Amino acid sequence: MDRKNENVFGDTAPSKTVVVEISGKFGALLDIDLVDEAGKSLSSGSMATGGGPSKTYMLFGDETLPQTVRLRLSVAVDQKDIDVPFKFAGIKLP
């Protein structure tokens, strides 16, 4: 077994990894996944880095990903960010 691509995230060989950069508002993004043609998840894990106007997602598969792999984004629709004022009262903090 070739272990040169293994790290804390598992095997990150290019044939098992997809990297995608997404920009915009992220509050509505619920999930990101790699799926096959039937919609079955192929992801074994993921990580996101970045901030500001974009984030980079790295998605990992256990096996070599097929040429037909698809990216599925689950997005909340008709949602908006709102500020909800609150305050802590009478709580002893360490």
PDB file of N, CA and C in Angstrom:
ATOM      1  N   MET A   1       0.841  -1.183   0.000  1.00  0.00           N
ATOM      2  CA  MET A   1       0.000   0.000   0.000  1.00  0.00           C
ATOM      3  C   MET A   1       0.885   1.246   0.000  1.00  0.00           C
ATOM      4  N   ASP A   2       0.597   2.168  -0.889  1.00  0.00           N
ATOM      5  CA  ASP A   2       1.346   3.411  -0.980  1.00  0.00           C
ATOM      6  C   ASP A   2       0.806   4.384   0.060  1.00  0.00           C
ATOM      7  N   ARG A   3       1.638   4.784   1.016  1.00  0.00           N
ATOM      8  CA  ARG A   3       1.199   5.641   2.113  1.00  0.00           C
ATOM      9  C   ARG A   3       1.657   7.089   1.959  1.00  0.00           C
ATOM     10  N   LYS A   4       2.203   7.481   0.812  1.00  0.00           N
ATOM     11  CA  LYS A   4       2.737   8.831   0.675  1.00  0.00           C
ATOM     12  C   LYS A   4       1.649   9.906   0.735  1.00  0.00           C
ATOM     13  N   ASN A   5       0.393   9.548   0.453  1.00  0.00           N
ATOM     14  CA  ASN A   5      -0.697  10.516   0.492  1.00  0.00           C
ATOM     15  C   ASN A   5      -1.492  10.460   1.793  1.00  0.00           C
ATOM     16  N   GLU A   6      -1.063   9.623   2.744  1.00  0.00           N
ATOM     17  CA  GLU A   6      -1.802   9.512   3.996  1.00  0.00           C
ATOM     18  C   GLU A   6      -1.359  10.582   4.974  1.00  0.00           C
ATOM     19  N   ASN A   7      -2.325  11.129   5.689  1.00  0.00           N
ATOM     20  CA  ASN A   7      -2.065  12.098   6.741  1.00  0.00           C
ATOM     21  C   ASN A   7      -3.197  12.007   7.750  1.00  0.00           C
ATOM     22  N   VAL A   8      -3.347  13.001   8.574  1.00  0.00           N
ATOM     23  CA  VAL A   8      -4.372  12.979   9.612  1.00  0.00           C
ATOM     24  C   VAL A   8      -5.781  12.850   9.017  1.00  0.00           C
ATOM     25  N   PHE A   9      -5.968  13.220   7.758  1.00  0.00           N
ATOM     26  CA  PHE A   9      -7.267  13.151   7.111  1.00  0.00           C
ATOM     27  C   PHE A   9      -7.481  11.825   6.375  1.00  0.00           C
ATOM     28  N   GLY A  10      -6.520  10.930   6.427  1.00  0.00           N
ATOM     29  CA  GLY A  10      -6.627   9.663   5.711  1.00  0.00           C
ATOM     30  C   GLY A  10      -5.840   9.730   4.418  1.00  0.00           C
ATOM     31  N   ASP A  11      -6.265   8.945   3.452  1.00  0.00           N
ATOM     32  CA  ASP A  11      -5.598   8.897   2.151  1.00  0.00           C
ATOM     33  C   ASP A  11      -6.115  10.034   1.286  1.00  0.00           C
ATOM     34  N   THR A  12      -5.267  11.009   0.988  1.00  0.00           N
ATOM     35  CA  THR A  12      -5.670  12.167   0.200  1.00  0.00           C
ATOM     36  C   THR A  12      -5.113  12.100  -1.224  1.00  0.00           C
ATOM     37  N   ALA A  13      -4.969  10.893  -1.747  1.00  0.00           N
ATOM     38  CA  ALA A  13      -4.501  10.734  -3.126  1.00  0.00           C
ATOM     39  C   ALA A  13      -5.444  11.490  -4.060  1.00  0.00           C
ATOM     40  N   PRO A  14      -4.922  12.108  -5.115  1.00  0.00           N
ATOM     41  CA  PRO A  14      -5.769  12.870  -6.036  1.00  0.00           C
ATOM     42  C   PRO A  14      -6.944  12.065  -6.603  1.00  0.00           C
ATOM     43  N   SER A  15      -6.781  10.768  -6.764  1.00  0.00           N
ATOM     44  CA  SER A  15      -7.866   9.956  -7.312  1.00  0.00           C
ATOM     45  C   SER A  15      -8.989   9.729  -6.305  1.00  0.00           C
ATOM     46  N   LYS A  16      -8.764  10.104  -5.034  1.00  0.00           N
ATOM     47  CA  LYS A  16      -9.762   9.917  -3.972  1.00  0.00           C
ATOM     48  C   LYS A  16     -10.206  11.236  -3.351  1.00  0.00           C
ATOM     49  N   THR A  17      -9.784  12.353  -3.944  1.00  0.00           N
ATOM     50  CA  THR A  17     -10.014  13.658  -3.326  1.00  0.00           C
ATOM     51  C   THR A  17     -10.552  14.655  -4.346  1.00  0.00           C
ATOM     52  N   VAL A  18     -11.515  15.467  -3.907  1.00  0.00           N
ATOM     53  CA  VAL A  18     -12.023  16.572  -4.715  1.00  0.00           C
ATOM     54  C   VAL A  18     -11.866  17.844  -3.905  1.00  0.00           C
ATOM     55  N   VAL A  19     -11.314  18.878  -4.525  1.00  0.00           N
ATOM     56  CA  VAL A  19     -11.156  20.178  -3.881  1.00  0.00           C
ATOM     57  C   VAL A  19     -12.010  21.171  -4.651  1.00  0.00           C
ATOM     58  N   VAL A  20     -12.830  21.912  -3.915  1.00  0.00           N
ATOM     59  CA  VAL A  20     -13.718  22.889  -4.551  1.00  0.00           C
ATOM     60  C   VAL A  20     -13.702  24.170  -3.731  1.00  0.00           C
ATOM     61  N   GLU A  21     -13.681  25.307  -4.414  1.00  0.00           N
ATOM     62  CA  GLU A  21     -13.738  26.605  -3.744  1.00  0.00           C
ATOM     63  C   GLU A  21     -15.105  27.212  -3.989  1.00  0.00           C
ATOM     64  N   ILE A  22     -15.738  27.654  -2.918  1.00  0.00           N
ATOM     65  CA  ILE A  22     -17.077  28.230  -3.002  1.00  0.00           C
ATOM     66  C   ILE A  22     -17.007  29.637  -2.421  1.00  0.00           C
ATOM     67  N   SER A  23     -17.623  30.581  -3.107  1.00  0.00           N
ATOM     68  CA  SER A  23     -17.636  31.946  -2.602  1.00  0.00           C
ATOM     69  C   SER A  23     -19.075  32.422  -2.447  1.00  0.00           C
ATOM     70  N   GLY A  24     -19.247  33.401  -1.591  1.00  0.00           N
ATOM     71  CA  GLY A  24     -20.577  33.945  -1.341  1.00  0.00           C
ATOM     72  C   GLY A  24     -20.950  33.799   0.120  1.00  0.00           C
ATOM     73  N   LYS A  25     -22.243  33.826   0.404  1.00  0.00           N
ATOM     74  CA  LYS A  25     -22.730  33.664   1.773  1.00  0.00           C
ATOM     75  C   LYS A  25     -22.875  32.176   2.059  1.00  0.00           C
ATOM     76  N   PHE A  26     -22.341  31.740   3.189  1.00  0.00           N
ATOM     77  CA  PHE A  26     -22.307  30.311   3.512  1.00  0.00           C
ATOM     78  C   PHE A  26     -23.390  29.881   4.487  1.00  0.00           C
ATOM     79  N   GLY A  27     -24.150  30.824   5.023  1.00  0.00           N
ATOM     80  CA  GLY A  27     -25.151  30.484   6.022  1.00  0.00           C
ATOM     81  C   GLY A  27     -26.197  29.504   5.534  1.00  0.00           C
ATOM     82  N   ALA A  28     -26.484  29.505   4.249  1.00  0.00           N
ATOM     83  CA  ALA A  28     -27.512  28.620   3.707  1.00  0.00           C
ATOM     84  C   ALA A  28     -26.967  27.255   3.303  1.00  0.00           C
ATOM     85  N   LEU A  29     -25.645  27.096   3.283  1.00  0.00           N
ATOM     86  CA  LEU A  29     -25.053  25.814   2.893  1.00  0.00           C
ATOM     87  C   LEU A  29     -25.123  24.848   4.067  1.00  0.00           C
ATOM     88  N   LEU A  30     -25.933  23.811   3.928  1.00  0.00           N
ATOM     89  CA  LEU A  30     -26.131  22.842   4.999  1.00  0.00           C
ATOM     90  C   LEU A  30     -25.157  21.681   4.919  1.00  0.00           C
ATOM     91  N   ASP A  31     -24.838  21.239   3.689  1.00  0.00           N
ATOM     92  CA  ASP A  31     -23.982  20.068   3.529  1.00  0.00           C
ATOM     93  C   ASP A  31     -23.377  20.081   2.136  1.00  0.00           C
ATOM     94  N   ILE A  32     -22.219  19.470   2.014  1.00  0.00           N
ATOM     95  CA  ILE A  32     -21.555  19.279   0.731  1.00  0.00           C
ATOM     96  C   ILE A  32     -21.095  17.826   0.695  1.00  0.00           C
ATOM     97  N   ASP A  33     -21.330  17.142  -0.422  1.00  0.00           N
ATOM     98  CA  ASP A  33     -21.082  15.702  -0.473  1.00  0.00           C
ATOM     99  C   ASP A  33     -20.691  15.290  -1.895  1.00  0.00           C
ATOM    100  N   LEU A  34     -19.942  14.206  -1.990  1.00  0.00           N
ATOM    101  CA  LEU A  34     -19.650  13.563  -3.265  1.00  0.00           C
ATOM    102  C   LEU A  34     -20.602  12.384  -3.404  1.00  0.00           C
ATOM    103  N   VAL A  35     -21.251  12.261  -4.545  1.00  0.00           N
ATOM    104  CA  VAL A  35     -22.206  11.177  -4.752  1.00  0.00           C
ATOM    105  C   VAL A  35     -21.969  10.512  -6.102  1.00  0.00           C
ATOM    106  N   ASP A  36     -22.448   9.260  -6.209  1.00  0.00           N
ATOM    107  CA  ASP A  36     -22.380   8.571  -7.494  1.00  0.00           C
ATOM    108  C   ASP A  36     -23.626   8.909  -8.311  1.00  0.00           C
ATOM    109  N   GLU A  37     -23.775   8.291  -9.476  1.00  0.00           N
ATOM    110  CA  GLU A  37     -24.905   8.605 -10.361  1.00  0.00           C
ATOM    111  C   GLU A  37     -26.257   8.304  -9.734  1.00  0.00           C
ATOM    112  N   ALA A  38     -26.292   7.357  -8.784  1.00  0.00           N
ATOM    113  CA  ALA A  38     -27.544   7.000  -8.111  1.00  0.00           C
ATOM    114  C   ALA A  38     -27.819   7.878  -6.893  1.00  0.00           C
ATOM    115  N   GLY A  39     -26.889   8.779  -6.557  1.00  0.00           N
ATOM    116  CA  GLY A  39     -27.060   9.654  -5.413  1.00  0.00           C
ATOM    117  C   GLY A  39     -26.498   9.108  -4.114  1.00  0.00           C
ATOM    118  N   LYS A  40     -25.803   7.960  -4.182  1.00  0.00           N
ATOM    119  CA  LYS A  40     -25.201   7.363  -2.983  1.00  0.00           C
ATOM    120  C   LYS A  40     -23.934   8.131  -2.620  1.00  0.00           C
ATOM    121  N   SER A  41     -23.785   8.444  -1.334  1.00  0.00           N
ATOM    122  CA  SER A  41     -22.627   9.194  -0.872  1.00  0.00           C
ATOM    123  C   SER A  41     -21.347   8.397  -1.069  1.00  0.00           C
ATOM    124  N   LEU A  42     -20.322   9.071  -1.561  1.00  0.00           N
ATOM    125  CA  LEU A  42     -18.997   8.483  -1.723  1.00  0.00           C
ATOM    126  C   LEU A  42     -17.988   9.122  -0.778  1.00  0.00           C
ATOM    127  N   SER A  43     -18.430  10.126  -0.026  1.00  0.00           N
ATOM    128  CA  SER A  43     -17.534  10.857   0.867  1.00  0.00           C
ATOM    129  C   SER A  43     -17.275  10.076   2.144  1.00  0.00           C
ATOM    130  N   SER A  44     -16.021  10.068   2.560  1.00  0.00           N
ATOM    131  CA  SER A  44     -15.681   9.466   3.847  1.00  0.00           C
ATOM    132  C   SER A  44     -15.261  10.528   4.843  1.00  0.00           C
ATOM    133  N   GLY A  45     -15.190  11.774   4.405  1.00  0.00           N
ATOM    134  CA  GLY A  45     -14.823  12.876   5.275  1.00  0.00           C
ATOM    135  C   GLY A  45     -14.571  14.128   4.468  1.00  0.00           C
ATOM    136  N   SER A  46     -14.451  15.234   5.162  1.00  0.00           N
ATOM    137  CA  SER A  46     -14.193  16.498   4.480  1.00  0.00           C
ATOM    138  C   SER A  46     -13.573  17.478   5.463  1.00  0.00           C
ATOM    139  N   MET A  47     -13.038  18.538   4.909  1.00  0.00           N
ATOM    140  CA  MET A  47     -12.550  19.644   5.725  1.00  0.00           C
ATOM    141  C   MET A  47     -12.734  20.924   4.938  1.00  0.00           C
ATOM    142  N   ALA A  48     -12.896  22.017   5.662  1.00  0.00           N
ATOM    143  CA  ALA A  48     -13.071  23.321   5.029  1.00  0.00           C
ATOM    144  C   ALA A  48     -12.054  24.281   5.618  1.00  0.00           C
ATOM    145  N   THR A  49     -11.511  25.122   4.767  1.00  0.00           N
ATOM    146  CA  THR A  49     -10.579  26.143   5.209  1.00  0.00           C
ATOM    147  C   THR A  49     -10.952  27.459   4.560  1.00  0.00           C
ATOM    148  N   GLY A  50     -10.488  28.522   5.157  1.00  0.00           N
ATOM    149  CA  GLY A  50     -10.696  29.834   4.564  1.00  0.00           C
ATOM    150  C   GLY A  50     -11.713  30.634   5.327  1.00  0.00           C
ATOM    151  N   GLY A  51     -11.900  31.800   4.861  1.00  0.00           N
ATOM    152  CA  GLY A  51     -12.825  32.740   5.451  1.00  0.00           C
ATOM    153  C   GLY A  51     -12.967  33.889   4.479  1.00  0.00           C
ATOM    154  N   GLY A  52     -13.608  34.915   4.906  1.00  0.00           N
ATOM    155  CA  GLY A  52     -13.791  36.031   3.996  1.00  0.00           C
ATOM    156  C   GLY A  52     -14.746  35.670   2.882  1.00  0.00           C
ATOM    157  N   PRO A  53     -14.431  36.021   1.660  1.00  0.00           N
ATOM    158  CA  PRO A  53     -15.388  35.816   0.572  1.00  0.00           C
ATOM    159  C   PRO A  53     -15.459  34.388   0.035  1.00  0.00           C
ATOM    160  N   SER A  54     -14.534  33.497   0.440  1.00  0.00           N
ATOM    161  CA  SER A  54     -14.587  32.138  -0.106  1.00  0.00           C
ATOM    162  C   SER A  54     -14.079  31.114   0.903  1.00  0.00           C
ATOM    163  N   LYS A  55     -14.493  29.876   0.701  1.00  0.00           N
ATOM    164  CA  LYS A  55     -14.009  28.738   1.481  1.00  0.00           C
ATOM    165  C   LYS A  55     -13.580  27.655   0.513  1.00  0.00           C
ATOM    166  N   THR A  56     -12.558  26.911   0.903  1.00  0.00           N
ATOM    167  CA  THR A  56     -12.095  25.780   0.124  1.00  0.00           C
ATOM    168  C   THR A  56     -12.470  24.505   0.871  1.00  0.00           C
ATOM    169  N   TYR A  57     -13.175  23.622   0.195  1.00  0.00           N
ATOM    170  CA  TYR A  57     -13.593  22.347   0.765  1.00  0.00           C
ATOM    171  C   TYR A  57     -12.776  21.233   0.129  1.00  0.00           C
ATOM    172  N   MET A  58     -12.291  20.322   0.945  1.00  0.00           N
ATOM    173  CA  MET A  58     -11.601  19.133   0.470  1.00  0.00           C
ATOM    174  C   MET A  58     -12.444  17.942   0.910  1.00  0.00           C
ATOM    175  N   LEU A  59     -12.926  17.165  -0.065  1.00  0.00           N
ATOM    176  CA  LEU A  59     -13.775  16.008   0.215  1.00  0.00           C
ATOM    177  C   LEU A  59     -13.014  14.747  -0.148  1.00  0.00           C
ATOM    178  N   PHE A  60     -13.106  13.742   0.717  1.00  0.00           N
ATOM    179  CA  PHE A  60     -12.333  12.520   0.576  1.00  0.00           C
ATOM    180  C   PHE A  60     -13.242  11.321   0.340  1.00  0.00           C
ATOM    181  N   GLY A  61     -12.806  10.416  -0.534  1.00  0.00           N
ATOM    182  CA  GLY A  61     -13.484   9.142  -0.734  1.00  0.00           C
ATOM    183  C   GLY A  61     -12.607   8.014  -0.224  1.00  0.00           C
ATOM    184  N   ASP A  62     -13.236   6.918   0.182  1.00  0.00           N
ATOM    185  CA  ASP A  62     -12.465   5.746   0.622  1.00  0.00           C
ATOM    186  C   ASP A  62     -11.793   5.046  -0.557  1.00  0.00           C
ATOM    187  N   GLU A  63     -12.464   5.061  -1.683  1.00  0.00           N
ATOM    188  CA  GLU A  63     -11.981   4.386  -2.891  1.00  0.00           C
ATOM    189  C   GLU A  63     -11.691   5.432  -3.964  1.00  0.00           C
ATOM    190  N   THR A  64     -11.044   4.992  -5.041  1.00  0.00           N
ATOM    191  CA  THR A  64     -10.838   5.871  -6.193  1.00  0.00           C
ATOM    192  C   THR A  64     -12.199   6.338  -6.687  1.00  0.00           C
ATOM    193  N   LEU A  65     -12.355   7.644  -6.874  1.00  0.00           N
ATOM    194  CA  LEU A  65     -13.632   8.204  -7.291  1.00  0.00           C
ATOM    195  C   LEU A  65     -13.863   7.950  -8.775  1.00  0.00           C
ATOM    196  N   PRO A  66     -15.104   7.600  -9.141  1.00  0.00           N
ATOM    197  CA  PRO A  66     -15.388   7.356 -10.560  1.00  0.00           C
ATOM    198  C   PRO A  66     -15.367   8.660 -11.355  1.00  0.00           C
ATOM    199  N   GLN A  67     -15.192   8.559 -12.644  1.00  0.00           N
ATOM    200  CA  GLN A  67     -15.199   9.734 -13.521  1.00  0.00           C
ATOM    201  C   GLN A  67     -16.548  10.453 -13.474  1.00  0.00           C
ATOM    202  N   THR A  68     -17.601   9.743 -13.079  1.00  0.00           N
ATOM    203  CA  THR A  68     -18.949  10.305 -13.052  1.00  0.00           C
ATOM    204  C   THR A  68     -19.330  10.878 -11.687  1.00  0.00           C
ATOM    205  N   VAL A  69     -18.347  11.045 -10.780  1.00  0.00           N
ATOM    206  CA  VAL A  69     -18.644  11.573  -9.450  1.00  0.00           C
ATOM    207  C   VAL A  69     -19.322  12.940  -9.571  1.00  0.00           C
ATOM    208  N   ARG A  70     -20.267  13.183  -8.672  1.00  0.00           N
ATOM    209  CA  ARG A  70     -21.008  14.450  -8.681  1.00  0.00           C
ATOM    210  C   ARG A  70     -20.856  15.136  -7.332  1.00  0.00           C
ATOM    211  N   LEU A  71     -20.980  16.445  -7.340  1.00  0.00           N
ATOM    212  CA  LEU A  71     -20.934  17.245  -6.129  1.00  0.00           C
ATOM    213  C   LEU A  71     -22.372  17.626  -5.786  1.00  0.00           C
ATOM    214  N   ARG A  72     -22.800  17.261  -4.570  1.00  0.00           N
ATOM    215  CA  ARG A  72     -24.160  17.604  -4.138  1.00  0.00           C
ATOM    216  C   ARG A  72     -24.069  18.639  -3.020  1.00  0.00           C
ATOM    217  N   LEU A  73     -24.717  19.778  -3.231  1.00  0.00           N
ATOM    218  CA  LEU A  73     -24.797  20.826  -2.217  1.00  0.00           C
ATOM    219  C   LEU A  73     -26.221  20.841  -1.670  1.00  0.00           C
ATOM    220  N   SER A  74     -26.353  20.759  -0.363  1.00  0.00           N
ATOM    221  CA  SER A  74     -27.661  20.899   0.275  1.00  0.00           C
ATOM    222  C   SER A  74     -27.743  22.317   0.804  1.00  0.00           C
ATOM    223  N   VAL A  75     -28.758  23.048   0.332  1.00  0.00           N
ATOM    224  CA  VAL A  75     -28.874  24.461   0.626  1.00  0.00           C
ATOM    225  C   VAL A  75     -30.258  24.752   1.196  1.00  0.00           C
ATOM    226  N   ALA A  76     -30.312  25.524   2.264  1.00  0.00           N
ATOM    227  CA  ALA A  76     -31.586  25.979   2.821  1.00  0.00           C
ATOM    228  C   ALA A  76     -32.105  27.100   1.923  1.00  0.00           C
ATOM    229  N   VAL A  77     -33.346  27.006   1.515  1.00  0.00           N
ATOM    230  CA  VAL A  77     -33.935  28.034   0.659  1.00  0.00           C
ATOM    231  C   VAL A  77     -34.907  28.880   1.475  1.00  0.00           C
ATOM    232  N   ASP A  78     -35.164  30.056   0.989  1.00  0.00           N
ATOM    233  CA  ASP A  78     -36.082  30.996   1.641  1.00  0.00           C
ATOM    234  C   ASP A  78     -35.689  31.266   3.088  1.00  0.00           C
ATOM    235  N   GLN A  79     -34.405  31.355   3.349  1.00  0.00           N
ATOM    236  CA  GLN A  79     -33.899  31.640   4.682  1.00  0.00           C
ATOM    237  C   GLN A  79     -33.165  32.983   4.639  1.00  0.00           C
ATOM    238  N   LYS A  80     -33.114  33.640   5.776  1.00  0.00           N
ATOM    239  CA  LYS A  80     -32.308  34.848   5.861  1.00  0.00           C
ATOM    240  C   LYS A  80     -31.705  34.930   7.248  1.00  0.00           C
ATOM    241  N   ASP A  81     -30.553  35.578   7.336  1.00  0.00           N
ATOM    242  CA  ASP A  81     -29.893  35.792   8.618  1.00  0.00           C
ATOM    243  C   ASP A  81     -30.609  36.900   9.367  1.00  0.00           C
ATOM    244  N   ILE A  82     -30.832  36.669  10.662  1.00  0.00           N
ATOM    245  CA  ILE A  82     -31.410  37.713  11.501  1.00  0.00           C
ATOM    246  C   ILE A  82     -30.606  37.807  12.782  1.00  0.00           C
ATOM    247  N   ASP A  83     -30.574  38.982  13.362  1.00  0.00           N
ATOM    248  CA  ASP A  83     -29.929  39.185  14.655  1.00  0.00           C
ATOM    249  C   ASP A  83     -30.966  38.955  15.742  1.00  0.00           C
ATOM    250  N   VAL A  84     -30.611  38.136  16.729  1.00  0.00           N
ATOM    251  CA  VAL A  84     -31.492  37.861  17.857  1.00  0.00           C
ATOM    252  C   VAL A  84     -30.789  38.365  19.110  1.00  0.00           C
ATOM    253  N   PRO A  85     -31.273  39.467  19.686  1.00  0.00           N
ATOM    254  CA  PRO A  85     -30.605  39.993  20.870  1.00  0.00           C
ATOM    255  C   PRO A  85     -30.862  39.093  22.085  1.00  0.00           C
ATOM    256  N   PHE A  86     -29.843  38.920  22.907  1.00  0.00           N
ATOM    257  CA  PHE A  86     -29.984  38.174  24.149  1.00  0.00           C
ATOM    258  C   PHE A  86     -28.892  38.622  25.101  1.00  0.00           C
ATOM    259  N   LYS A  87     -29.063  38.301  26.366  1.00  0.00           N
ATOM    260  CA  LYS A  87     -28.019  38.587  27.337  1.00  0.00           C
ATOM    261  C   LYS A  87     -28.061  37.504  28.409  1.00  0.00           C
ATOM    262  N   PHE A  88     -26.901  37.254  28.996  1.00  0.00           N
ATOM    263  CA  PHE A  88     -26.802  36.336  30.112  1.00  0.00           C
ATOM    264  C   PHE A  88     -27.095  37.120  31.378  1.00  0.00           C
ATOM    265  N   ALA A  89     -27.898  36.561  32.250  1.00  0.00           N
ATOM    266  CA  ALA A  89     -28.204  37.224  33.514  1.00  0.00           C
ATOM    267  C   ALA A  89     -28.192  36.190  34.638  1.00  0.00           C
ATOM    268  N   GLY A  90     -27.545  36.523  35.726  1.00  0.00           N
ATOM    269  CA  GLY A  90     -27.545  35.679  36.901  1.00  0.00           C
ATOM    270  C   GLY A  90     -26.812  34.360  36.738  1.00  0.00           C
ATOM    271  N   ILE A  91     -25.852  34.296  35.838  1.00  0.00           N
ATOM    272  CA  ILE A  91     -25.087  33.072  35.618  1.00  0.00           C
ATOM    273  C   ILE A  91     -23.656  33.323  36.054  1.00  0.00           C
ATOM    274  N   LYS A  92     -23.161  32.464  36.946  1.00  0.00           N
ATOM    275  CA  LYS A  92     -21.770  32.586  37.363  1.00  0.00           C
ATOM    276  C   LYS A  92     -20.879  31.939  36.320  1.00  0.00           C
ATOM    277  N   LEU A  93     -20.017  32.734  35.745  1.00  0.00           N
ATOM    278  CA  LEU A  93     -19.082  32.223  34.748  1.00  0.00           C
ATOM    279  C   LEU A  93     -17.734  31.978  35.395  1.00  0.00           C
ATOM    280  N   PRO A  94     -17.034  30.945  34.938  1.00  0.00           N
ATOM    281  CA  PRO A  94     -15.729  30.638  35.559  1.00  0.00           C
ATOM    282  C   PRO A  94     -14.698  31.730  35.275  1.00  0.00           C
TER     283      PRO A  94
END
